[in-house]
């Protein structure tokens, strides 16, 4: 029976990822190796859930549950869906990989240092789903920024930060920024923001900055970013003082605050001899 719409039309919210498993016990054992928690006795349950970072859920149903209300045809062919787990370090990627493989699970990709700046490995869960493990590699020594560029950053000019979504498309955000040293820039945000999740998946970023008073003074920067906790908001407050002369006013969810430390791999500074006099 169709339902009449009440009130304004809203968009659905992405909430969960589902797995249909042919062996609930083996499936739960695999994901416990990756740190997910399930209730005792869940192996016999007709439906199991685990909480994921960011408020999402992993839903696991045995084939019998799905067949109780719909038909089910096992997937065939190549990679239709996969899962990914962010690790705290390259060493954790290797240790997690070894733990999963020692438990008898197949290997898709041995750990390797990917050209995009991550330690990466892929294992296979009991139902044939590929599961990626990754962590940012230690940044390579950055290229020093010019004094003029660092001065542009230290002034209260907005930057625009470009990150890469998991499908490869770019995301662009205006953001506050500051200098750490001649090789490093810092920004602040929340752990659950899309730009943070993008950087955890792919640390490559691009940044542009234009002077607020002279739009012909500008910089273009490329780098590799890492996510660091800022739960006392010391980093956020230092940046905030540069822009509004006071600590960051929004103090909710301090445990969710992070810094985006970016090692500069390429930069360009320019100050063109133009006067900004557009016609009225």
Protein backbone atom coordinates (compact mmCIF):
# COMPACT_ATOMS: atom_id res chain seq x y z
CA UNK A 1 0.00 0.00 0.00
CA UNK A 2 1.36 3.39 -0.99
CA UNK A 3 1.70 6.05 1.69
CA UNK A 4 0.78 9.69 1.18
CA UNK A 5 3.57 12.17 1.82
CA UNK A 6 3.09 14.35 4.89
CA UNK A 7 5.06 17.58 5.19
CA UNK A 8 7.95 18.76 3.01
CA UNK A 9 10.00 16.28 0.98
CA UNK A 10 13.31 15.38 2.66
CA UNK A 11 16.29 13.39 1.42
CA UNK A 12 17.14 10.00 2.93
CA UNK A 13 20.16 9.66 5.24
CA UNK A 14 22.87 7.08 4.60
CA UNK A 15 22.70 4.89 7.68
CA UNK A 16 24.13 1.39 7.26
CA UNK A 17 25.98 -1.18 5.15
CA UNK A 18 24.62 -4.71 4.86
CA UNK A 19 26.22 -8.11 4.32
CA UNK A 20 24.38 -11.30 3.43
CA UNK A 21 26.44 -14.18 4.82
CA UNK A 22 26.42 -17.89 4.16
CA UNK A 23 28.18 -18.57 7.49
CA UNK A 24 27.29 -16.22 10.35
CA UNK A 25 29.88 -17.64 12.78
CA UNK A 26 32.73 -17.31 10.28
CA UNK A 27 31.61 -13.82 9.28
CA UNK A 28 31.49 -12.55 12.88
CA UNK A 29 34.84 -14.16 13.69
CA UNK A 30 36.44 -12.37 10.72
CA UNK A 31 35.11 -8.91 11.64
CA UNK A 32 36.01 -9.40 15.30
CA UNK A 33 39.61 -9.71 14.09
CA UNK A 34 39.21 -6.17 12.72
CA UNK A 35 37.91 -4.76 16.00
CA UNK A 36 34.14 -4.86 15.55
CA UNK A 37 32.09 -5.93 18.58
CA UNK A 38 29.12 -8.29 18.55
CA UNK A 39 26.95 -9.66 21.38
CA UNK A 40 27.76 -13.08 22.78
CA UNK A 41 25.68 -15.72 21.03
CA UNK A 42 25.16 -13.55 17.96
CA UNK A 43 26.25 -16.47 15.79
CA UNK A 44 22.74 -17.95 16.15
CA UNK A 45 20.85 -14.68 15.63
CA UNK A 46 18.74 -14.02 12.51
CA UNK A 47 20.14 -10.46 12.30
CA UNK A 48 23.27 -8.87 13.76
CA UNK A 49 24.44 -5.25 13.93
CA UNK A 50 27.72 -3.52 14.84
CA UNK A 51 28.31 0.18 15.37
CA UNK A 52 30.85 1.80 13.04
CA UNK A 53 32.78 5.06 13.29
CA UNK A 54 30.72 8.12 12.46
CA UNK A 55 27.44 6.62 13.68
CA UNK A 56 27.02 4.15 10.81
CA UNK A 57 26.09 0.49 11.30
CA UNK A 58 27.17 -2.81 9.75
CA UNK A 59 24.14 -5.10 9.29
CA UNK A 60 24.72 -8.84 8.86
CA UNK A 61 21.96 -11.26 7.85
CA UNK A 62 22.20 -14.98 7.09
CA UNK A 63 20.82 -16.16 3.76
CA UNK A 64 17.86 -17.74 5.59
CA UNK A 65 16.72 -14.34 6.87
CA UNK A 66 16.84 -12.75 3.42
CA UNK A 67 15.02 -15.71 1.86
CA UNK A 68 12.24 -15.33 4.44
CA UNK A 69 11.00 -12.20 2.64
CA UNK A 70 12.79 -12.15 -0.74
CA UNK A 71 14.70 -14.28 -3.21
CA UNK A 72 18.50 -14.40 -2.94
CA UNK A 73 21.03 -15.07 -5.69
CA UNK A 74 24.70 -15.20 -4.58
CA UNK A 75 26.84 -12.54 -6.32
CA UNK A 76 29.25 -13.65 -9.02
CA UNK A 77 32.06 -11.99 -10.93
CA UNK A 78 34.46 -9.33 -9.74
CA UNK A 79 34.46 -6.73 -7.00
CA UNK A 80 30.94 -5.32 -6.67
CA UNK A 81 31.35 -3.96 -3.12
CA UNK A 82 34.19 -3.77 -0.65
CA UNK A 83 34.94 -2.57 2.85
CA UNK A 84 37.82 -0.52 4.19
CA UNK A 85 39.37 -0.17 7.65
CA UNK A 86 41.60 2.78 8.51
CA UNK A 87 44.60 1.83 10.68
CA UNK A 88 46.57 4.14 12.97
CA UNK A 89 49.95 3.43 11.33
CA UNK A 90 51.65 1.38 8.60
CA UNK A 91 52.77 -1.04 11.33
CA UNK A 92 49.13 -1.58 12.33
CA UNK A 93 48.27 -2.40 8.70
CA UNK A 94 50.94 -5.11 8.71
CA UNK A 95 49.97 -6.47 12.14
CA UNK A 96 46.26 -6.57 11.28
CA UNK A 97 47.00 -8.26 7.96
CA UNK A 98 49.14 -10.90 9.67
CA UNK A 99 46.45 -11.53 12.32
CA UNK A 100 43.71 -12.01 9.71
CA UNK A 101 45.84 -14.23 7.46
CA UNK A 102 46.99 -16.33 10.44
CA UNK A 103 43.30 -17.02 11.14
CA UNK A 104 43.06 -18.62 7.69
CA UNK A 105 41.50 -15.89 5.57
CA UNK A 106 42.52 -15.38 1.91
CA UNK A 107 44.79 -12.60 0.68
CA UNK A 108 43.91 -10.27 -2.19
CA UNK A 109 46.89 -7.87 -1.89
CA UNK A 110 49.94 -8.23 0.35
CA UNK A 111 50.82 -5.01 2.25
CA UNK A 112 52.56 -2.49 0.00
CA UNK A 113 53.48 1.20 0.00
CA UNK A 114 51.05 2.78 -2.46
CA UNK A 115 52.11 5.66 -4.67
CA UNK A 116 49.31 7.85 -3.22
CA UNK A 117 50.99 7.83 0.20
CA UNK A 118 49.45 4.92 2.11
CA UNK A 119 50.40 1.47 3.40
CA UNK A 120 47.75 -0.74 1.81
CA UNK A 121 46.60 -4.37 1.95
CA UNK A 122 43.47 -6.31 1.01
CA UNK A 123 42.08 -9.49 2.57
CA UNK A 124 38.90 -11.44 1.79
CA UNK A 125 36.08 -12.05 4.26
CA UNK A 126 34.27 -15.43 4.50
CA UNK A 127 31.66 -14.33 1.94
CA UNK A 128 34.17 -13.20 -0.68
CA UNK A 129 34.02 -9.47 0.04
CA UNK A 130 37.36 -7.63 -0.29
CA UNK A 131 38.38 -5.70 2.83
CA UNK A 132 41.05 -2.99 2.51
CA UNK A 133 43.42 -2.05 5.33
CA UNK A 134 45.28 1.25 5.05
CA UNK A 135 47.21 3.94 6.91
CA UNK A 136 49.11 7.04 5.90
CA UNK A 137 52.81 6.54 5.31
CA UNK A 138 55.27 8.78 7.13
CA UNK A 139 55.44 11.98 5.08
CA UNK A 140 58.44 12.40 2.86
CA UNK A 141 60.57 15.46 3.66
CA UNK A 142 58.59 18.46 2.47
CA UNK A 143 59.76 21.18 0.13
CA UNK A 144 60.29 24.49 1.94
CA UNK A 145 57.79 27.26 1.31
CA UNK A 146 59.05 30.73 0.49
CA UNK A 147 58.97 33.41 3.21
CA UNK A 148 56.43 35.35 1.13
CA UNK A 149 54.11 32.34 0.96
CA UNK A 150 54.37 31.67 4.69
CA UNK A 151 53.59 35.34 5.38
CA UNK A 152 50.47 35.04 3.18
CA UNK A 153 49.33 32.02 5.20
CA UNK A 154 50.00 33.68 8.57
CA UNK A 155 47.73 36.59 7.69
CA UNK A 156 43.97 35.96 8.27
CA UNK A 157 43.30 34.80 4.71
CA UNK A 158 40.89 31.99 3.96
CA UNK A 159 42.30 28.93 2.24
CA UNK A 160 40.44 26.47 0.04
CA UNK A 161 41.24 22.82 0.71
CA UNK A 162 40.67 20.19 -1.98
CA UNK A 163 40.42 16.54 -0.92
CA UNK A 164 39.51 13.41 -2.88
CA UNK A 165 36.33 11.41 -2.33
CA UNK A 166 36.47 7.63 -2.49
CA UNK A 167 35.18 7.75 -6.11
CA UNK A 168 38.04 10.08 -7.08
CA UNK A 169 35.93 13.23 -7.39
CA UNK A 170 37.18 16.38 -5.61
CA UNK A 171 35.66 18.10 -2.58
CA UNK A 172 36.48 21.76 -1.94
CA UNK A 173 36.14 23.55 1.42
CA UNK A 174 36.96 27.07 2.64
CA UNK A 175 39.03 26.70 5.80
CA UNK A 176 41.25 28.51 8.30
CA UNK A 177 44.95 27.67 8.06
CA UNK A 178 48.29 28.36 9.75
CA UNK A 179 52.01 27.62 9.36
CA UNK A 180 53.77 25.03 11.52
CA UNK A 181 57.19 25.39 9.89
CA UNK A 182 58.61 25.98 6.41
CA UNK A 183 57.55 22.46 5.35
CA UNK A 184 54.20 22.10 7.13
CA UNK A 185 50.73 23.68 7.27
CA UNK A 186 47.92 22.97 9.74
CA UNK A 187 44.12 23.16 9.58
CA UNK A 188 41.48 22.06 12.08
CA UNK A 189 38.12 20.33 11.74
CA UNK A 190 36.00 17.48 13.12
CA UNK A 191 36.82 13.77 12.99
CA UNK A 192 33.53 12.95 11.26
CA UNK A 193 33.77 15.66 8.58
CA UNK A 194 33.89 14.45 5.00
CA UNK A 195 37.25 16.14 4.39
CA UNK A 196 38.73 14.20 7.32
CA UNK A 197 37.34 10.91 6.01
CA UNK A 198 38.65 11.76 2.53
CA UNK A 199 42.16 12.35 3.90
CA UNK A 200 42.06 9.09 5.86
CA UNK A 201 41.32 7.31 2.59
CA UNK A 202 43.71 9.35 0.41
CA UNK A 203 46.14 11.85 2.01
CA UNK A 204 46.77 13.89 -1.15
CA UNK A 205 45.45 17.45 -0.87
CA UNK A 206 45.64 20.75 -2.75
CA UNK A 207 45.29 24.19 -1.17
CA UNK A 208 44.83 27.66 -2.64
CA UNK A 209 45.05 30.96 -0.76
CA UNK A 210 44.24 34.49 -1.96
CA UNK A 211 45.01 37.62 0.03
CA UNK A 212 41.78 39.20 1.36
CA UNK A 213 42.95 42.73 0.48
CA UNK A 214 44.93 42.04 -2.70
CA UNK A 215 43.38 39.20 -4.77
CA UNK A 216 46.44 39.17 -7.05
CA UNK A 217 48.64 37.86 -4.24
CA UNK A 218 48.02 34.13 -4.12
CA UNK A 219 49.53 30.71 -3.51
CA UNK A 220 48.91 27.18 -4.78
CA UNK A 221 50.05 24.23 -2.68
CA UNK A 222 50.06 20.45 -2.94
CA UNK A 223 50.83 18.12 -0.06
CA UNK A 224 50.17 15.01 1.99
CA UNK A 225 47.93 15.39 5.05
CA UNK A 226 47.68 13.34 8.23
CA UNK A 227 44.94 13.46 10.86
CA UNK A 228 45.98 14.12 14.47
CA UNK A 229 43.76 14.44 17.58
CA UNK A 230 43.10 17.91 19.02
CA UNK A 231 40.79 16.96 21.89
CA UNK A 232 41.84 19.92 24.06
CA UNK A 233 41.36 22.22 21.03
CA UNK A 234 44.76 23.80 21.58
CA UNK A 235 45.50 23.66 17.87
CA UNK A 236 42.05 24.92 16.88
CA UNK A 237 42.29 27.81 19.38
CA UNK A 238 45.70 28.87 18.08
CA UNK A 239 44.33 29.08 14.54
CA UNK A 240 41.15 30.80 15.77
CA UNK A 241 43.19 33.58 17.44
CA UNK A 242 44.68 34.35 14.03
CA UNK A 243 41.23 34.95 12.49
CA UNK A 244 38.89 36.22 15.24
CA UNK A 245 41.31 37.13 18.05
CA UNK A 246 39.77 34.65 20.48
CA UNK A 247 39.51 30.90 21.19
CA UNK A 248 37.23 28.93 18.89
CA UNK A 249 33.71 29.63 20.23
CA UNK A 250 32.08 26.27 19.47
CA UNK A 251 33.14 23.93 22.30
CA UNK A 252 30.73 21.02 21.76
CA UNK A 253 32.18 17.59 20.98
CA UNK A 254 35.75 18.57 21.83
CA UNK A 255 36.71 14.88 21.74
CA UNK A 256 35.82 14.96 18.03
CA UNK A 257 38.30 17.72 17.10
CA UNK A 258 41.32 16.93 14.89
CA UNK A 259 44.16 18.71 13.13
CA UNK A 260 45.02 18.23 9.46
CA UNK A 261 48.83 18.45 9.36
CA UNK A 262 49.97 18.86 5.75
CA UNK A 263 53.50 18.29 4.53
CA UNK A 264 54.05 20.52 1.49
CA UNK A 265 55.31 18.65 -1.58
CA UNK A 266 54.91 21.48 -4.11
CA UNK A 267 54.11 25.19 -3.79
CA UNK A 268 53.88 28.29 -5.92
CA UNK A 269 53.58 31.91 -4.77
CA UNK A 270 52.69 34.89 -6.99
CA UNK A 271 52.01 38.60 -6.49
CA UNK A 272 50.94 40.11 -9.79
CA UNK A 273 51.42 43.85 -10.38
CA UNK A 274 47.72 44.53 -10.91
CA UNK A 275 45.33 46.91 -9.22
CA UNK A 276 41.91 45.47 -8.53
CA UNK A 277 39.66 48.11 -10.10
CA UNK A 278 36.67 46.35 -11.72
CA UNK A 279 34.13 48.69 -13.34
CA UNK A 280 31.23 49.76 -11.16
